[in-house]
Amino acid sequence: MLPTPCHVIGDVHLGVASPESEQALLRLLRDVPSRARSVVIMGDLFDFWFAWESAMPRTGFRVLSALADLHDAGIPVLWIGGNHDCWGGDALQKETGAVYTLDPWRGRIGAWDALLAHGDGLREVEDAPYRRLRTVLRHPWAIRAFGALHPTLATRIAMRSSKTSRKGRARDGGAGLLAVATAALSDVDGPQLVLHGHSHVPTLLRAGHGVYGNAGAWYLDRQYLVIDDEQVTRREWHPSGEHVVLDIAERPPQKATP
């Protein structure tokens, strides 16, 4: 279980994000101990990250340090791996103390029964070619072969090949992932809250029998979600510290026990 208030951040894409965007994220993370009791990262914190045996990327070093500080302060961090930061979860866990997973996560966030997934590959038809490619890219042999490359060369290759999957918003405006979430939220045994990333489309609304949220892309909007026991809010970060509330969704009534 993750305690509330819980801050949810998505798609930061460190490595292509502006220095200002990274600084804003650092300020948000440093404010967490006074504002929240847990943090969720919805994937693609990095535009590319790989755990070599004896080297690690310089990108985002200060952000990783800030996450480690949260762990040391007793604030749990859940990291849902995305399609850009899926190589090196074990190393990321060891360095930051975050709980890292590439699988969908189902559990309690305060009073909410929540289902979290980055969102890549979830659309049944549109994402079928990508799911086949993902199987290859995440195969142990492919990871071993890539790890044999010099980090500088490997990073250049990865950054060039990732341009299309990080560019702007999803072409469908997030409708595909909303449909996936609505199906889960409409199921009799479904969760009350579904969160995705990946589409880069900030969203917070009622769907099915619950609430669907997407924090959007921090590097584009500097928005995030805050989960409290009775509501979820979508907020925009502001340098003043007075963050703007953009949307509010109330927690639906508990299902009656038969």
Protein backbone atom coordinates (compact mmCIF):
# COMPACT_ATOMS: atom_id res chain seq x y z
CA MET A 1 0.00 0.00 0.00
CA LEU A 2 1.14 3.54 -0.78
CA PRO A 3 0.11 6.22 1.72
CA THR A 4 -1.60 9.44 0.69
CA PRO A 5 -1.11 12.18 -0.30
CA CYS A 6 0.66 10.56 -3.25
CA HIS A 7 2.34 12.59 -6.00
CA VAL A 8 2.23 11.07 -9.51
CA ILE A 9 4.71 12.19 -12.18
CA GLY A 10 4.82 10.99 -15.78
CA ASP A 11 7.05 11.02 -18.85
CA VAL A 12 9.84 13.39 -17.83
CA HIS A 13 12.19 12.22 -20.62
CA LEU A 14 15.39 13.39 -18.97
CA GLY A 15 18.00 13.69 -21.68
CA VAL A 16 15.78 15.70 -24.01
CA ALA A 17 13.88 17.66 -21.36
CA SER A 18 15.03 21.26 -20.96
CA PRO A 19 17.29 22.19 -18.01
CA GLU A 20 14.41 24.29 -16.68
CA SER A 21 12.11 21.26 -16.72
CA GLU A 22 14.66 19.17 -14.82
CA GLN A 23 15.17 21.93 -12.25
CA ALA A 24 11.40 22.18 -11.75
CA LEU A 25 11.23 18.43 -11.15
CA LEU A 26 14.03 18.64 -8.59
CA ARG A 27 12.18 21.38 -6.74
CA LEU A 28 8.99 19.32 -6.75
CA LEU A 29 10.79 16.24 -5.41
CA ARG A 30 12.53 18.28 -2.71
CA ASP A 31 9.13 19.62 -1.60
CA VAL A 32 7.63 16.14 -1.34
CA PRO A 33 8.48 15.56 2.37
CA SER A 34 6.35 18.58 3.30
CA ARG A 35 3.54 17.83 0.84
CA ALA A 36 3.20 14.06 0.28
CA ARG A 37 3.79 10.64 1.81
CA SER A 38 4.56 8.66 -1.37
CA VAL A 39 5.57 9.17 -5.01
CA VAL A 40 4.72 7.30 -8.21
CA ILE A 41 6.69 7.64 -11.45
CA MET A 42 4.59 6.52 -14.41
CA GLY A 43 7.52 5.61 -16.66
CA ASP A 44 9.90 7.27 -19.11
CA LEU A 45 11.66 9.27 -16.42
CA PHE A 46 14.57 9.05 -18.86
CA ASP A 47 14.49 9.32 -22.61
CA PHE A 48 17.08 6.54 -22.46
CA TRP A 49 18.68 4.69 -19.57
CA PHE A 50 20.69 1.48 -19.54
CA ALA A 51 22.50 -0.34 -16.76
CA TRP A 52 25.95 -1.32 -17.97
CA GLU A 53 27.97 -3.63 -15.72
CA SER A 54 30.43 -0.94 -14.62
CA ALA A 55 29.01 2.35 -15.96
CA MET A 56 25.85 4.41 -15.70
CA PRO A 57 24.54 7.38 -17.72
CA ARG A 58 25.26 10.85 -16.37
CA THR A 59 21.80 12.02 -17.40
CA GLY A 60 19.47 12.64 -14.48
CA PHE A 61 22.06 11.93 -11.78
CA ARG A 62 20.63 14.63 -9.49
CA VAL A 63 17.09 13.33 -9.97
CA LEU A 64 18.17 9.81 -9.01
CA SER A 65 19.87 11.30 -5.96
CA ALA A 66 16.65 13.13 -5.02
CA LEU A 67 14.70 9.86 -5.28
CA ALA A 68 17.28 8.15 -3.06
CA ASP A 69 16.86 10.98 -0.53
CA LEU A 70 13.10 10.37 -0.47
CA HIS A 71 13.68 6.69 0.18
CA ASP A 72 16.10 7.51 2.99
CA ALA A 73 13.47 9.84 4.48
CA GLY A 74 10.98 6.95 4.61
CA ILE A 75 8.87 8.08 1.63
CA PRO A 76 8.13 5.13 -0.68
CA VAL A 77 8.67 5.57 -4.42
CA LEU A 78 6.95 3.30 -6.95
CA TRP A 79 8.47 3.39 -10.44
CA ILE A 80 6.44 1.93 -13.31
CA GLY A 81 8.97 1.28 -16.09
CA GLY A 82 8.17 2.74 -19.50
CA ASN A 83 9.33 2.01 -23.03
CA HIS A 84 12.30 4.40 -22.67
CA ASP A 85 13.59 3.36 -19.25
CA CYS A 86 12.93 -0.39 -19.28
CA TRP A 87 16.59 -1.52 -19.27
CA GLY A 88 18.13 -1.48 -15.85
CA GLY A 89 15.40 -1.74 -13.27
CA ASP A 90 17.56 -3.74 -10.85
CA ALA A 91 20.27 -1.07 -10.90
CA LEU A 92 17.73 1.72 -10.53
CA GLN A 93 16.21 0.00 -7.50
CA LYS A 94 19.59 -0.48 -5.86
CA GLU A 95 20.67 3.12 -6.44
CA THR A 96 17.41 4.84 -5.45
CA GLY A 97 15.52 2.42 -3.23
CA ALA A 98 12.47 2.77 -5.46
CA VAL A 99 10.25 -0.22 -6.18
CA TYR A 100 10.60 -0.69 -9.95
CA THR A 101 8.34 -2.84 -12.12
CA LEU A 102 7.67 -3.33 -15.81
CA ASP A 103 4.38 -5.10 -15.05
CA PRO A 104 1.06 -3.41 -14.31
CA TRP A 105 0.73 -2.68 -10.60
CA ARG A 106 -2.52 -3.35 -8.72
CA GLY A 107 -2.74 -2.24 -5.11
CA ARG A 108 -3.96 0.31 -2.61
CA ILE A 109 -3.07 3.98 -2.77
CA GLY A 110 -4.64 5.23 0.42
CA ALA A 111 -8.35 4.40 0.18
CA TRP A 112 -8.17 3.73 -3.58
CA ASP A 113 -8.02 0.34 -5.28
CA ALA A 114 -5.66 1.33 -8.10
CA LEU A 115 -4.29 -0.18 -11.31
CA LEU A 116 -1.17 1.45 -12.77
CA ALA A 117 0.57 0.78 -16.11
CA HIS A 118 2.79 2.92 -18.31
CA GLY A 119 0.52 2.32 -21.29
CA ASP A 120 2.86 1.12 -24.04
CA GLY A 121 1.44 -1.88 -25.89
CA LEU A 122 -1.98 -1.81 -24.22
CA ARG A 123 -4.05 -0.93 -27.29
CA GLU A 124 -5.06 -4.28 -28.78
CA VAL A 125 -4.90 -3.47 -32.49
CA GLU A 126 -2.78 -0.33 -32.87
CA ASP A 127 0.04 -1.58 -30.64
CA ALA A 128 0.33 -5.11 -32.02
CA PRO A 129 3.48 -4.34 -34.13
CA TYR A 130 5.09 -2.59 -31.18
CA ARG A 131 4.43 -5.56 -28.86
CA ARG A 132 6.36 -7.80 -31.26
CA LEU A 133 9.25 -5.31 -31.35
CA ARG A 134 9.18 -4.98 -27.56
CA THR A 135 9.58 -8.72 -27.18
CA VAL A 136 12.80 -8.52 -29.19
CA LEU A 137 14.18 -5.40 -27.48
CA ARG A 138 13.63 -6.81 -23.99
CA HIS A 139 14.98 -10.27 -24.76
CA PRO A 140 18.04 -11.14 -22.62
CA TRP A 141 20.15 -11.77 -25.73
CA ALA A 142 19.34 -8.34 -27.17
CA ILE A 143 20.09 -6.68 -23.83
CA ARG A 144 23.41 -8.55 -23.57
CA ALA A 145 24.40 -7.54 -27.10
CA PHE A 146 23.51 -3.89 -26.52
CA GLY A 147 25.38 -3.92 -23.23
CA ALA A 148 28.54 -4.96 -25.05
CA LEU A 149 28.59 -1.65 -26.95
CA HIS A 150 30.54 1.32 -25.65
CA PRO A 151 28.12 3.47 -23.60
CA THR A 152 28.72 6.58 -25.73
CA LEU A 153 27.99 4.75 -28.99
CA ALA A 154 25.05 2.85 -27.51
CA THR A 155 23.48 6.04 -26.15
CA ARG A 156 23.78 7.80 -29.52
CA ILE A 157 22.07 4.88 -31.25
CA ALA A 158 19.28 4.75 -28.67
CA MET A 159 18.64 8.50 -28.67
CA ARG A 160 18.39 8.61 -32.46
CA SER A 161 15.98 5.70 -32.59
CA SER A 162 13.72 7.05 -29.82
CA LYS A 163 12.74 10.30 -31.52
CA THR A 164 9.39 9.13 -32.90
CA SER A 165 8.14 7.55 -29.66
CA ARG A 166 8.74 10.66 -27.53
CA LYS A 167 7.53 13.31 -29.99
CA GLY A 168 4.58 15.36 -28.74
CA ARG A 169 1.22 13.77 -27.93
CA ALA A 170 -0.38 10.50 -28.96
CA ARG A 171 -1.99 10.83 -32.38
CA ASP A 172 -5.33 9.61 -31.01
CA GLY A 173 -5.31 12.25 -28.28
CA GLY A 174 -5.15 9.56 -25.62
CA ALA A 175 -8.44 7.95 -26.70
CA GLY A 176 -6.93 4.48 -27.01
CA LEU A 177 -5.61 4.36 -23.46
CA LEU A 178 -8.82 5.91 -22.16
CA ALA A 179 -10.75 3.04 -23.78
CA VAL A 180 -8.42 0.49 -22.14
CA ALA A 181 -8.90 2.19 -18.76
CA THR A 182 -12.68 2.45 -19.16
CA ALA A 183 -12.91 -1.28 -19.82
CA ALA A 184 -10.96 -2.04 -16.62
CA LEU A 185 -13.00 0.46 -14.60
CA SER A 186 -16.25 -1.04 -15.90
CA ASP A 187 -15.38 -4.59 -14.85
CA VAL A 188 -17.29 -5.93 -11.85
CA ASP A 189 -14.00 -6.69 -10.10
CA GLY A 190 -12.22 -3.70 -11.58
CA PRO A 191 -10.26 -1.01 -9.72
CA GLN A 192 -11.53 2.40 -8.67
CA LEU A 193 -8.59 4.22 -10.19
CA VAL A 194 -6.57 3.58 -13.35
CA LEU A 195 -3.44 5.58 -14.13
CA HIS A 196 -1.43 5.57 -17.35
CA GLY A 197 1.44 7.52 -18.84
CA HIS A 198 2.85 7.17 -22.36
CA SER A 199 0.30 9.21 -24.34
CA HIS A 200 1.64 12.56 -23.02
CA VAL A 201 -1.99 13.73 -22.76
CA PRO A 202 -2.85 15.13 -19.29
CA THR A 203 -6.20 13.66 -18.27
CA LEU A 204 -8.40 13.35 -15.20
CA LEU A 205 -12.02 12.26 -15.51
CA ARG A 206 -14.70 9.80 -14.43
CA ALA A 207 -14.75 6.62 -16.51
CA GLY A 208 -16.66 3.39 -16.01
CA HIS A 209 -17.28 3.01 -12.27
CA GLY A 210 -14.19 4.96 -11.26
CA VAL A 211 -11.57 7.54 -12.21
CA TYR A 212 -8.97 7.63 -14.97
CA GLY A 213 -5.86 9.77 -14.72
CA ASN A 214 -2.80 10.55 -16.80
CA ALA A 215 -0.20 13.00 -15.49
CA GLY A 216 0.81 13.85 -19.06
CA ALA A 217 4.42 14.62 -19.94
CA TRP A 218 6.34 16.65 -17.37
CA TYR A 219 8.79 17.84 -20.02
CA LEU A 220 5.89 19.36 -22.00
CA ASP A 221 3.42 20.55 -19.34
CA ARG A 222 4.97 20.32 -15.83
CA GLN A 223 1.74 18.81 -14.59
CA TYR A 224 1.28 16.06 -12.02
CA LEU A 225 -1.45 14.28 -10.10
CA VAL A 226 -2.06 14.26 -6.36
CA ILE A 227 -4.01 11.35 -4.89
CA ASP A 228 -5.78 11.94 -1.58
CA ASP A 229 -8.12 9.48 0.10
CA GLU A 230 -11.27 11.13 -1.24
CA GLN A 231 -10.13 12.75 -4.49
CA VAL A 232 -7.51 13.04 -7.19
CA THR A 233 -6.38 16.43 -8.46
CA ARG A 234 -4.46 17.38 -11.58
CA ARG A 235 -2.07 20.21 -10.89
CA GLU A 236 0.36 22.45 -12.73
CA TRP A 237 3.72 23.16 -11.11
CA HIS A 238 4.52 26.82 -10.48
CA PRO A 239 7.85 28.28 -9.35
CA SER A 240 6.10 30.15 -6.53
CA GLY A 241 5.15 26.90 -4.86
CA GLU A 242 1.44 27.68 -5.20
CA HIS A 243 0.64 24.97 -7.70
CA VAL A 244 -2.50 25.47 -9.80
CA VAL A 245 -5.33 22.90 -9.48
CA LEU A 246 -6.68 22.17 -12.97
CA ASP A 247 -9.11 19.28 -12.38
CA ILE A 248 -10.64 17.36 -9.47
CA ALA A 249 -12.17 13.88 -9.49
CA GLU A 250 -13.89 12.50 -6.40
CA ARG A 251 -13.52 8.90 -5.28
CA PRO A 252 -16.64 6.88 -6.17
CA PRO A 253 -18.66 5.20 -3.41
CA GLN A 254 -17.38 1.85 -2.20
CA LYS A 255 -19.04 -1.16 -3.82
CA ALA A 256 -21.59 -2.81 -1.61
CA THR A 257 -20.46 -6.14 -0.12
CA PRO A 258 -22.83 -9.02 -1.06
